[in-house]
Amino acid sequence: MEKNKGKIFVFSAPSGAGKTTILNKLKAAVPNLVYSISATTRKPRPGEIDGKHYFFMSVEEFKRKIDQKAFAEWAVVHENYYGTPRSFIDSTVEQGSHIIMDIDVFGKKQFDKLYPEAIGILIVPPSMEELERRLRGRKSNDDQDIRVRLKNATTEIEFASTQGKYEYTIINDDLSRAVDDVIKLVTSEINKTV
């Protein structure tokens, strides 16, 4: 009997929409979910472990892997390369595990060319005013950074609504409800048979 393949869930959201919190609660609530590990050229932060938090590599190695088409998607973000290794995705779904991807809206469009079966979930704030309030509440962003993040959020949401492929959009106006909605839809998708 052939083992069922796992499903791929791609989550996208502007900075401050609550995606990381929602994904952490989703992982705790739904068994058999694997969080995708990205490759990056940035230096490890204290406590980060290679192969657990990221696959850390040099710029030269990353560029070589780009040439080898080893990434499902990749981008340069704040002068560092980030990418999703195809081998990690393929081995995870072949084993029957379901994978959670955290990819921005532009990377998702790239990703869909290789994995059109991926289920897209867009998480958005209820308003730009609320997004600004959340970003200011973090106390880790200065005014310039907040302005850039708000501008990027507007661009990302516009791109996702016009050019993205998202089966679901979750408006995170109430965190516990957004978490419940995500858990229900992921569980429902996992339980669907082909």
N, C-alpha and C. Protein backbone atom coordinates (compact mmCIF):
# COMPACT_ATOMS: atom_id res chain seq x y z
N MET A 1 0.84 -1.19 0.00
CA MET A 1 0.00 0.00 0.00
C MET A 1 0.88 1.25 0.00
N GLU A 2 0.59 2.17 -0.88
CA GLU A 2 1.38 3.39 -0.99
C GLU A 2 1.03 4.36 0.13
N LYS A 3 2.07 4.89 0.75
CA LYS A 3 1.88 5.85 1.83
C LYS A 3 1.37 7.18 1.26
N ASN A 4 0.41 7.80 1.95
CA ASN A 4 -0.09 9.10 1.51
C ASN A 4 0.99 10.16 1.67
N LYS A 5 1.07 11.03 0.69
CA LYS A 5 2.02 12.14 0.78
C LYS A 5 1.47 13.20 1.73
N GLY A 6 2.39 13.92 2.33
CA GLY A 6 2.00 15.03 3.18
C GLY A 6 1.54 16.22 2.36
N LYS A 7 0.94 17.16 3.01
CA LYS A 7 0.47 18.39 2.34
C LYS A 7 1.39 19.55 2.70
N ILE A 8 1.42 20.52 1.80
CA ILE A 8 2.25 21.70 1.99
C ILE A 8 1.35 22.90 2.26
N PHE A 9 1.58 23.56 3.39
CA PHE A 9 0.83 24.76 3.76
C PHE A 9 1.78 25.95 3.74
N VAL A 10 1.47 26.94 2.91
CA VAL A 10 2.31 28.13 2.81
C VAL A 10 1.60 29.30 3.47
N PHE A 11 2.23 29.85 4.49
CA PHE A 11 1.69 31.01 5.20
C PHE A 11 2.46 32.26 4.80
N SER A 12 1.74 33.31 4.48
CA SER A 12 2.34 34.61 4.17
C SER A 12 1.60 35.67 4.98
N ALA A 13 2.34 36.72 5.33
CA ALA A 13 1.74 37.83 6.08
C ALA A 13 2.72 38.98 6.12
N PRO A 14 2.20 40.20 6.17
CA PRO A 14 3.11 41.32 6.40
C PRO A 14 3.64 41.27 7.84
N SER A 15 4.78 41.89 8.05
CA SER A 15 5.38 41.97 9.38
C SER A 15 4.39 42.60 10.35
N GLY A 16 4.15 41.91 11.50
CA GLY A 16 3.25 42.45 12.51
C GLY A 16 1.83 41.93 12.44
N ALA A 17 1.54 41.06 11.46
CA ALA A 17 0.17 40.55 11.31
C ALA A 17 -0.15 39.42 12.29
N GLY A 18 0.88 38.87 12.96
CA GLY A 18 0.65 37.81 13.94
C GLY A 18 0.95 36.41 13.44
N LYS A 19 1.58 36.29 12.29
CA LYS A 19 1.83 34.99 11.68
C LYS A 19 2.67 34.07 12.58
N THR A 20 3.76 34.57 13.14
CA THR A 20 4.64 33.73 13.94
C THR A 20 3.91 33.17 15.16
N THR A 21 3.15 34.00 15.83
CA THR A 21 2.36 33.55 16.99
C THR A 21 1.36 32.49 16.57
N ILE A 22 0.65 32.73 15.49
CA ILE A 22 -0.35 31.77 14.99
C ILE A 22 0.32 30.45 14.63
N LEU A 23 1.45 30.50 13.93
CA LEU A 23 2.14 29.27 13.53
C LEU A 23 2.64 28.49 14.74
N ASN A 24 3.14 29.17 15.75
CA ASN A 24 3.59 28.46 16.96
C ASN A 24 2.43 27.74 17.64
N LYS A 25 1.27 28.37 17.69
CA LYS A 25 0.10 27.73 18.31
C LYS A 25 -0.42 26.59 17.42
N LEU A 26 -0.34 26.75 16.11
CA LEU A 26 -0.74 25.69 15.18
C LEU A 26 0.14 24.46 15.37
N LYS A 27 1.45 24.66 15.44
CA LYS A 27 2.38 23.54 15.62
C LYS A 27 2.10 22.79 16.92
N ALA A 28 1.75 23.52 17.97
CA ALA A 28 1.47 22.90 19.26
C ALA A 28 0.15 22.11 19.24
N ALA A 29 -0.79 22.52 18.39
CA ALA A 29 -2.13 21.93 18.39
C ALA A 29 -2.32 20.79 17.40
N VAL A 30 -1.56 20.77 16.32
CA VAL A 30 -1.78 19.78 15.26
C VAL A 30 -0.56 18.87 15.13
N PRO A 31 -0.75 17.57 15.39
CA PRO A 31 0.39 16.65 15.26
C PRO A 31 0.79 16.45 13.80
N ASN A 32 1.98 15.96 13.60
CA ASN A 32 2.48 15.60 12.27
C ASN A 32 2.70 16.81 11.36
N LEU A 33 2.93 17.98 11.95
CA LEU A 33 3.29 19.16 11.17
C LEU A 33 4.78 19.41 11.34
N VAL A 34 5.46 19.65 10.24
CA VAL A 34 6.89 19.95 10.27
C VAL A 34 7.07 21.38 9.80
N TYR A 35 7.82 22.15 10.55
CA TYR A 35 8.09 23.54 10.17
C TYR A 35 9.28 23.55 9.23
N SER A 36 9.10 24.14 8.07
CA SER A 36 10.18 24.20 7.08
C SER A 36 11.38 24.95 7.63
N ILE A 37 12.55 24.45 7.32
CA ILE A 37 13.78 25.11 7.72
C ILE A 37 14.38 25.78 6.50
N SER A 38 14.60 27.08 6.60
CA SER A 38 15.17 27.85 5.49
C SER A 38 16.69 27.84 5.56
N ALA A 39 17.29 28.05 4.41
CA ALA A 39 18.74 28.28 4.34
C ALA A 39 18.96 29.78 4.36
N THR A 40 20.06 30.21 4.94
CA THR A 40 20.37 31.65 4.97
C THR A 40 21.87 31.88 5.01
N THR A 41 22.25 33.06 4.55
CA THR A 41 23.66 33.47 4.62
C THR A 41 23.91 34.37 5.82
N ARG A 42 22.87 34.72 6.57
CA ARG A 42 23.09 35.59 7.72
C ARG A 42 23.79 34.80 8.83
N LYS A 43 24.44 35.53 9.69
CA LYS A 43 25.15 34.91 10.81
C LYS A 43 24.14 34.38 11.83
N PRO A 44 24.44 33.22 12.44
CA PRO A 44 23.53 32.69 13.47
C PRO A 44 23.43 33.64 14.66
N ARG A 45 22.22 33.75 15.19
CA ARG A 45 22.00 34.53 16.40
C ARG A 45 22.27 33.62 17.60
N PRO A 46 22.50 34.19 18.77
CA PRO A 46 22.75 33.36 19.95
C PRO A 46 21.63 32.33 20.15
N GLY A 47 22.02 31.08 20.34
CA GLY A 47 21.06 30.01 20.57
C GLY A 47 20.56 29.31 19.32
N GLU A 48 20.80 29.87 18.14
CA GLU A 48 20.35 29.24 16.91
C GLU A 48 21.28 28.09 16.53
N ILE A 49 20.68 27.00 16.08
CA ILE A 49 21.43 25.79 15.76
C ILE A 49 21.27 25.48 14.28
N ASP A 50 22.41 25.23 13.61
CA ASP A 50 22.39 24.88 12.19
C ASP A 50 21.62 23.57 12.01
N GLY A 51 20.69 23.56 11.06
CA GLY A 51 19.90 22.38 10.79
C GLY A 51 18.64 22.28 11.63
N LYS A 52 18.52 23.13 12.64
CA LYS A 52 17.30 23.16 13.46
C LYS A 52 16.53 24.45 13.22
N HIS A 53 17.21 25.58 13.32
CA HIS A 53 16.57 26.89 13.10
C HIS A 53 16.72 27.34 11.66
N TYR A 54 17.91 27.16 11.11
CA TYR A 54 18.22 27.49 9.72
C TYR A 54 19.32 26.54 9.25
N PHE A 55 19.49 26.47 7.94
CA PHE A 55 20.69 25.88 7.37
C PHE A 55 21.60 27.07 7.05
N PHE A 56 22.62 27.28 7.86
CA PHE A 56 23.51 28.43 7.67
C PHE A 56 24.57 28.08 6.64
N MET A 57 24.83 29.00 5.71
CA MET A 57 25.84 28.77 4.68
C MET A 57 26.43 30.08 4.20
N SER A 58 27.55 29.95 3.52
CA SER A 58 28.22 31.13 2.97
C SER A 58 27.46 31.63 1.74
N VAL A 59 27.74 32.87 1.36
CA VAL A 59 27.14 33.43 0.14
C VAL A 59 27.54 32.59 -1.07
N GLU A 60 28.80 32.17 -1.12
CA GLU A 60 29.28 31.36 -2.25
C GLU A 60 28.51 30.05 -2.36
N GLU A 61 28.33 29.37 -1.22
CA GLU A 61 27.58 28.10 -1.23
C GLU A 61 26.13 28.34 -1.63
N PHE A 62 25.53 29.40 -1.13
CA PHE A 62 24.14 29.72 -1.45
C PHE A 62 24.00 29.96 -2.96
N LYS A 63 24.90 30.75 -3.53
CA LYS A 63 24.84 31.04 -4.96
C LYS A 63 25.04 29.77 -5.79
N ARG A 64 25.90 28.87 -5.33
CA ARG A 64 26.10 27.59 -6.02
C ARG A 64 24.78 26.79 -6.02
N LYS A 65 24.09 26.80 -4.88
CA LYS A 65 22.81 26.07 -4.79
C LYS A 65 21.73 26.72 -5.66
N ILE A 66 21.78 28.05 -5.80
CA ILE A 66 20.86 28.72 -6.73
C ILE A 66 21.10 28.19 -8.14
N ASP A 67 22.37 28.14 -8.55
CA ASP A 67 22.73 27.64 -9.88
C ASP A 67 22.29 26.19 -10.08
N GLN A 68 22.31 25.41 -9.00
CA GLN A 68 21.89 24.00 -9.06
C GLN A 68 20.38 23.83 -8.95
N LYS A 69 19.66 24.95 -8.86
CA LYS A 69 18.19 24.95 -8.70
C LYS A 69 17.76 24.14 -7.46
N ALA A 70 18.53 24.29 -6.40
CA ALA A 70 18.28 23.54 -5.17
C ALA A 70 17.21 24.18 -4.28
N PHE A 71 16.78 25.41 -4.63
CA PHE A 71 15.79 26.11 -3.81
C PHE A 71 14.44 26.17 -4.50
N ALA A 72 13.38 25.98 -3.72
CA ALA A 72 12.02 26.15 -4.25
C ALA A 72 11.73 27.63 -4.46
N GLU A 73 12.33 28.47 -3.64
CA GLU A 73 12.25 29.92 -3.77
C GLU A 73 13.40 30.49 -2.97
N TRP A 74 13.83 31.67 -3.37
CA TRP A 74 14.88 32.35 -2.62
C TRP A 74 14.75 33.85 -2.84
N ALA A 75 15.34 34.61 -1.93
CA ALA A 75 15.29 36.07 -2.02
C ALA A 75 16.44 36.65 -1.21
N VAL A 76 16.74 37.89 -1.50
CA VAL A 76 17.69 38.65 -0.69
C VAL A 76 16.86 39.59 0.18
N VAL A 77 17.01 39.46 1.49
CA VAL A 77 16.26 40.26 2.44
C VAL A 77 17.25 40.93 3.39
N HIS A 78 17.22 42.24 3.44
CA HIS A 78 18.14 43.00 4.29
C HIS A 78 19.59 42.53 4.10
N GLU A 79 19.99 42.38 2.84
CA GLU A 79 21.35 42.05 2.43
C GLU A 79 21.78 40.61 2.72
N ASN A 80 20.86 39.77 3.16
CA ASN A 80 21.16 38.35 3.37
C ASN A 80 20.30 37.51 2.45
N TYR A 81 20.84 36.38 2.02
CA TYR A 81 20.09 35.44 1.19
C TYR A 81 19.28 34.51 2.09
N TYR A 82 18.05 34.22 1.66
CA TYR A 82 17.19 33.25 2.33
C TYR A 82 16.58 32.37 1.25
N GLY A 83 16.47 31.07 1.52
CA GLY A 83 15.86 30.19 0.53
C GLY A 83 15.28 28.95 1.18
N THR A 84 14.40 28.29 0.44
CA THR A 84 13.74 27.08 0.91
C THR A 84 14.29 25.89 0.13
N PRO A 85 15.06 25.01 0.79
CA PRO A 85 15.64 23.86 0.09
C PRO A 85 14.57 22.88 -0.39
N ARG A 86 14.60 22.57 -1.67
CA ARG A 86 13.64 21.63 -2.25
C ARG A 86 13.77 20.24 -1.62
N SER A 87 14.99 19.82 -1.33
CA SER A 87 15.20 18.47 -0.78
C SER A 87 14.48 18.29 0.56
N PHE A 88 14.46 19.34 1.39
CA PHE A 88 13.79 19.27 2.68
C PHE A 88 12.28 19.11 2.49
N ILE A 89 11.71 19.89 1.58
CA ILE A 89 10.27 19.81 1.30
C ILE A 89 9.92 18.42 0.77
N ASP A 90 10.66 17.99 -0.25
CA ASP A 90 10.35 16.72 -0.91
C ASP A 90 10.44 15.54 0.05
N SER A 91 11.49 15.48 0.86
CA SER A 91 11.63 14.34 1.78
C SER A 91 10.55 14.36 2.85
N THR A 92 10.16 15.55 3.30
CA THR A 92 9.13 15.66 4.33
C THR A 92 7.78 15.16 3.82
N VAL A 93 7.35 15.62 2.65
CA VAL A 93 6.03 15.19 2.14
C VAL A 93 6.06 13.73 1.69
N GLU A 94 7.19 13.25 1.20
CA GLU A 94 7.29 11.83 0.81
C GLU A 94 7.10 10.92 2.02
N GLN A 95 7.54 11.37 3.19
CA GLN A 95 7.39 10.59 4.43
C GLN A 95 5.96 10.64 4.97
N GLY A 96 5.11 11.45 4.34
CA GLY A 96 3.72 11.55 4.79
C GLY A 96 3.49 12.64 5.83
N SER A 97 4.53 13.40 6.14
CA SER A 97 4.36 14.51 7.09
C SER A 97 3.89 15.75 6.34
N HIS A 98 3.20 16.60 7.04
CA HIS A 98 2.70 17.85 6.46
C HIS A 98 3.68 18.96 6.84
N ILE A 99 3.92 19.86 5.90
CA ILE A 99 4.93 20.88 6.12
C ILE A 99 4.31 22.27 6.13
N ILE A 100 4.78 23.10 7.06
CA ILE A 100 4.36 24.49 7.17
C ILE A 100 5.49 25.35 6.61
N MET A 101 5.15 26.18 5.65
CA MET A 101 6.12 27.09 5.05
C MET A 101 5.77 28.52 5.47
N ASP A 102 6.79 29.30 5.73
CA ASP A 102 6.63 30.73 6.04
C ASP A 102 7.35 31.48 4.92
N ILE A 103 6.59 31.93 3.93
CA ILE A 103 7.17 32.53 2.73
C ILE A 103 6.45 33.84 2.43
N ASP A 104 7.20 34.87 2.06
CA ASP A 104 6.53 36.12 1.73
C ASP A 104 5.74 35.99 0.42
N VAL A 105 4.90 36.96 0.14
CA VAL A 105 3.98 36.84 -1.01
C VAL A 105 4.71 36.74 -2.34
N PHE A 106 5.89 37.35 -2.43
CA PHE A 106 6.65 37.30 -3.69
C PHE A 106 7.29 35.92 -3.86
N GLY A 107 7.83 35.38 -2.77
CA GLY A 107 8.39 34.03 -2.80
C GLY A 107 7.33 32.98 -3.05
N LYS A 108 6.12 33.21 -2.55
CA LYS A 108 5.01 32.26 -2.76
C LYS A 108 4.71 32.12 -4.24
N LYS A 109 4.75 33.20 -4.98
CA LYS A 109 4.49 33.13 -6.42
C LYS A 109 5.55 32.27 -7.10
N GLN A 110 6.80 32.44 -6.71
CA GLN A 110 7.91 31.63 -7.22
C GLN A 110 7.70 30.16 -6.82
N PHE A 111 7.33 29.94 -5.56
CA PHE A 111 7.14 28.61 -4.99
C PHE A 111 6.05 27.84 -5.73
N ASP A 112 4.96 28.53 -6.09
CA ASP A 112 3.82 27.89 -6.74
C ASP A 112 4.17 27.26 -8.09
N LYS A 113 5.21 27.74 -8.74
CA LYS A 113 5.62 27.16 -10.03
C LYS A 113 6.11 25.74 -9.84
N LEU A 114 6.76 25.46 -8.71
CA LEU A 114 7.26 24.11 -8.43
C LEU A 114 6.27 23.26 -7.64
N TYR A 115 5.48 23.90 -6.81
CA TYR A 115 4.54 23.18 -5.94
C TYR A 115 3.14 23.79 -6.06
N PRO A 116 2.49 23.60 -7.21
CA PRO A 116 1.16 24.21 -7.40
C PRO A 116 0.10 23.63 -6.46
N GLU A 117 0.37 22.46 -5.89
CA GLU A 117 -0.59 21.84 -4.98
C GLU A 117 -0.55 22.46 -3.58
N ALA A 118 0.43 23.31 -3.30
CA ALA A 118 0.56 23.93 -1.98
C ALA A 118 -0.69 24.75 -1.65
N ILE A 119 -1.08 24.69 -0.40
CA ILE A 119 -2.26 25.41 0.07
C ILE A 119 -1.80 26.74 0.68
N GLY A 120 -2.25 27.84 0.10
CA GLY A 120 -1.82 29.17 0.53
C GLY A 120 -2.77 29.77 1.55
N ILE A 121 -2.19 30.29 2.63
CA ILE A 121 -2.96 30.94 3.69
C ILE A 121 -2.34 32.31 3.95
N LEU A 122 -3.10 33.34 3.68
CA LEU A 122 -2.64 34.71 3.86
C LEU A 122 -3.21 35.25 5.17
N ILE A 123 -2.35 35.76 6.03
CA ILE A 123 -2.78 36.35 7.29
C ILE A 123 -2.60 37.86 7.19
N VAL A 124 -3.68 38.59 7.44
CA VAL A 124 -3.62 40.05 7.31
C VAL A 124 -4.15 40.71 8.59
N PRO A 125 -3.68 41.92 8.87
CA PRO A 125 -4.23 42.66 10.00
C PRO A 125 -5.59 43.23 9.62
N PRO A 126 -6.41 43.62 10.61
CA PRO A 126 -7.72 44.18 10.29
C PRO A 126 -7.63 45.55 9.62
N SER A 127 -6.53 46.27 9.85
CA SER A 127 -6.36 47.60 9.24
C SER A 127 -4.89 47.97 9.32
N MET A 128 -4.50 48.96 8.53
CA MET A 128 -3.13 49.45 8.58
C MET A 128 -2.88 50.19 9.90
N GLU A 129 -3.91 50.80 10.45
CA GLU A 129 -3.77 51.48 11.74
C GLU A 129 -3.44 50.48 12.85
N GLU A 130 -4.13 49.34 12.81
CA GLU A 130 -3.87 48.30 13.81
C GLU A 130 -2.47 47.71 13.60
N LEU A 131 -2.07 47.53 12.36
CA LEU A 131 -0.73 47.02 12.08
C LEU A 131 0.32 47.98 12.65
N GLU A 132 0.13 49.27 12.44
CA GLU A 132 1.07 50.25 12.99
C GLU A 132 1.11 50.18 14.51
N ARG A 133 -0.04 50.04 15.13
CA ARG A 133 -0.11 49.93 16.60
C ARG A 133 0.69 48.71 17.08
N ARG A 134 0.55 47.57 16.38
CA ARG A 134 1.28 46.35 16.76
C ARG A 134 2.78 46.53 16.58
N LEU A 135 3.17 47.12 15.46
CA LEU A 135 4.60 47.34 15.21
C LEU A 135 5.21 48.26 16.27
N ARG A 136 4.48 49.30 16.64
CA ARG A 136 4.98 50.22 17.67
C ARG A 136 5.02 49.52 19.04
N GLY A 137 4.09 48.60 19.26
CA GLY A 137 4.04 47.86 20.52
C GLY A 137 5.21 46.91 20.70
N ARG A 138 5.85 46.51 19.62
CA ARG A 138 7.01 45.63 19.72
C ARG A 138 8.19 46.31 20.40
N LYS A 139 8.27 47.61 20.27
CA LYS A 139 9.35 48.42 20.84
C LYS A 139 10.73 48.04 20.29
N SER A 140 10.78 47.28 19.21
CA SER A 140 12.07 46.91 18.62
C SER A 140 12.28 47.59 17.28
N ASN A 141 11.32 48.40 16.86
CA ASN A 141 11.41 49.08 15.57
C ASN A 141 11.39 50.60 15.78
N ASP A 142 12.32 51.30 15.10
CA ASP A 142 12.28 52.76 15.16
C ASP A 142 11.27 53.28 14.13
N ASP A 143 11.03 54.59 14.13
CA ASP A 143 10.02 55.19 13.24
C ASP A 143 10.29 54.90 11.78
N GLN A 144 11.55 55.00 11.37
CA GLN A 144 11.90 54.74 9.97
C GLN A 144 11.58 53.29 9.60
N ASP A 145 11.95 52.36 10.47
CA ASP A 145 11.69 50.94 10.22
C ASP A 145 10.19 50.68 10.15
N ILE A 146 9.43 51.30 11.02
CA ILE A 146 7.97 51.13 11.01
C ILE A 146 7.38 51.65 9.70
N ARG A 147 7.85 52.81 9.25
CA ARG A 147 7.36 53.36 7.97
C ARG A 147 7.65 52.40 6.82
N VAL A 148 8.86 51.83 6.81
CA VAL A 148 9.24 50.88 5.75
C VAL A 148 8.35 49.63 5.83
N ARG A 149 8.14 49.11 7.03
CA ARG A 149 7.31 47.91 7.20
C ARG A 149 5.86 48.17 6.79
N LEU A 150 5.33 49.33 7.10
CA LEU A 150 3.95 49.66 6.70
C LEU A 150 3.85 49.79 5.18
N LYS A 151 4.83 50.43 4.56
CA LYS A 151 4.84 50.55 3.10
C LYS A 151 4.94 49.16 2.47
N ASN A 152 5.84 48.32 3.01
CA ASN A 152 5.98 46.95 2.50
C ASN A 152 4.69 46.16 2.68
N ALA A 153 4.02 46.34 3.81
CA ALA A 153 2.76 45.62 4.07
C ALA A 153 1.71 45.98 3.03
N THR A 154 1.60 47.26 2.71
CA THR A 154 0.64 47.69 1.69
C THR A 154 0.95 47.04 0.35
N THR A 155 2.22 47.04 -0.03
CA THR A 155 2.65 46.42 -1.29
C THR A 155 2.37 44.92 -1.28
N GLU A 156 2.70 44.24 -0.17
CA GLU A 156 2.51 42.79 -0.08
C GLU A 156 1.03 42.41 -0.16
N ILE A 157 0.18 43.12 0.57
CA ILE A 157 -1.25 42.79 0.56
C ILE A 157 -1.84 43.03 -0.83
N GLU A 158 -1.45 44.11 -1.47
CA GLU A 158 -1.91 44.40 -2.84
C GLU A 158 -1.45 43.31 -3.80
N PHE A 159 -0.19 42.91 -3.71
CA PHE A 159 0.36 41.87 -4.58
C PHE A 159 -0.38 40.55 -4.36
N ALA A 160 -0.58 40.18 -3.09
CA ALA A 160 -1.26 38.92 -2.77
C ALA A 160 -2.68 38.90 -3.31
N SER A 161 -3.37 40.04 -3.24
CA SER A 161 -4.76 40.06 -3.68
C SER A 161 -4.89 40.09 -5.20
N THR A 162 -3.87 40.57 -5.90
CA THR A 162 -3.96 40.65 -7.36
C THR A 162 -3.20 39.55 -8.09
N GLN A 163 -2.08 39.10 -7.53
CA GLN A 163 -1.25 38.13 -8.23
C GLN A 163 -0.97 36.85 -7.45
N GLY A 164 -1.38 36.81 -6.20
CA GLY A 164 -1.09 35.64 -5.37
C GLY A 164 -2.14 34.55 -5.54
N LYS A 165 -1.77 33.34 -5.11
CA LYS A 165 -2.70 32.21 -5.10
C LYS A 165 -2.85 31.78 -3.64
N TYR A 166 -3.87 32.30 -3.02
CA TYR A 166 -4.15 31.97 -1.62
C TYR A 166 -5.56 31.40 -1.53
N GLU A 167 -5.64 30.18 -1.05
CA GLU A 167 -6.94 29.54 -0.90
C GLU A 167 -7.72 30.13 0.28
N TYR A 168 -6.98 30.65 1.25
CA TYR A 168 -7.61 31.18 2.46
C TYR A 168 -6.97 32.52 2.85
N THR A 169 -7.80 33.42 3.36
CA THR A 169 -7.31 34.66 3.97
C THR A 169 -7.88 34.74 5.38
N ILE A 170 -7.00 34.92 6.33
CA ILE A 170 -7.39 35.04 7.73
C ILE A 170 -7.14 36.48 8.17
N ILE A 171 -8.19 37.15 8.63
CA ILE A 171 -8.04 38.51 9.16
C ILE A 171 -7.80 38.37 10.66
N ASN A 172 -6.61 38.72 11.09
CA ASN A 172 -6.25 38.58 12.50
C ASN A 172 -6.66 39.81 13.30
N ASP A 173 -7.98 39.89 13.56
CA ASP A 173 -8.48 40.98 14.41
C ASP A 173 -8.68 40.50 15.84
N ASP A 174 -8.68 39.19 16.03
CA ASP A 174 -8.79 38.58 17.35
C ASP A 174 -7.90 37.35 17.31
N LEU A 175 -6.80 37.36 18.08
CA LEU A 175 -5.80 36.31 17.98
C LEU A 175 -6.35 34.92 18.23
N SER A 176 -7.13 34.74 19.30
CA SER A 176 -7.62 33.39 19.61
C SER A 176 -8.55 32.88 18.51
N ARG A 177 -9.36 33.75 17.93
CA ARG A 177 -10.23 33.32 16.83
C ARG A 177 -9.40 32.99 15.59
N ALA A 178 -8.39 33.81 15.31
CA ALA A 178 -7.53 33.55 14.14
C ALA A 178 -6.81 32.21 14.30
N VAL A 179 -6.32 31.93 15.50
CA VAL A 179 -5.65 30.65 15.77
C VAL A 179 -6.64 29.50 15.55
N ASP A 180 -7.84 29.61 16.13
CA ASP A 180 -8.86 28.57 15.95
C ASP A 180 -9.18 28.36 14.48
N ASP A 181 -9.34 29.44 13.73
CA ASP A 181 -9.65 29.34 12.30
C ASP A 181 -8.54 28.62 11.53
N VAL A 182 -7.29 28.95 11.84
CA VAL A 182 -6.16 28.31 11.15
C VAL A 182 -6.09 26.83 11.51
N ILE A 183 -6.26 26.50 12.78
CA ILE A 183 -6.23 25.10 13.19
C ILE A 183 -7.33 24.31 12.49
N LYS A 184 -8.54 24.86 12.44
CA LYS A 184 -9.66 24.18 11.78
C LYS A 184 -9.40 23.98 10.30
N LEU A 185 -8.91 25.00 9.62
CA LEU A 185 -8.73 24.85 8.17
C LEU A 185 -7.58 23.90 7.84
N VAL A 186 -6.49 23.94 8.61
CA VAL A 186 -5.38 23.01 8.37
C VAL A 186 -5.82 21.58 8.65
N THR A 187 -6.52 21.37 9.75
CA THR A 187 -7.03 20.03 10.09
C THR A 187 -7.98 19.53 9.01
N SER A 188 -8.86 20.40 8.54
CA SER A 188 -9.80 20.03 7.48
C SER A 188 -9.06 19.64 6.20
N GLU A 189 -8.05 20.41 5.81
CA GLU A 189 -7.28 20.10 4.61
C GLU A 189 -6.51 18.78 4.76
N ILE A 190 -5.96 18.53 5.94
CA ILE A 190 -5.23 17.29 6.18
C ILE A 190 -6.17 16.10 6.05
N ASN A 191 -7.40 16.25 6.54
CA ASN A 191 -8.36 15.15 6.53
C ASN A 191 -9.04 14.91 5.19
N LYS A 192 -8.87 15.84 4.24
CA LYS A 192 -9.43 15.64 2.89
C LYS A 192 -8.67 14.51 2.21
N THR A 193 -9.42 13.67 1.51
CA THR A 193 -8.76 12.62 0.73
C THR A 193 -8.79 13.02 -0.74
N VAL A 194 -7.80 12.53 -1.44
CA VAL A 194 -7.68 12.88 -2.86
C VAL A 194 -8.65 12.08 -3.69
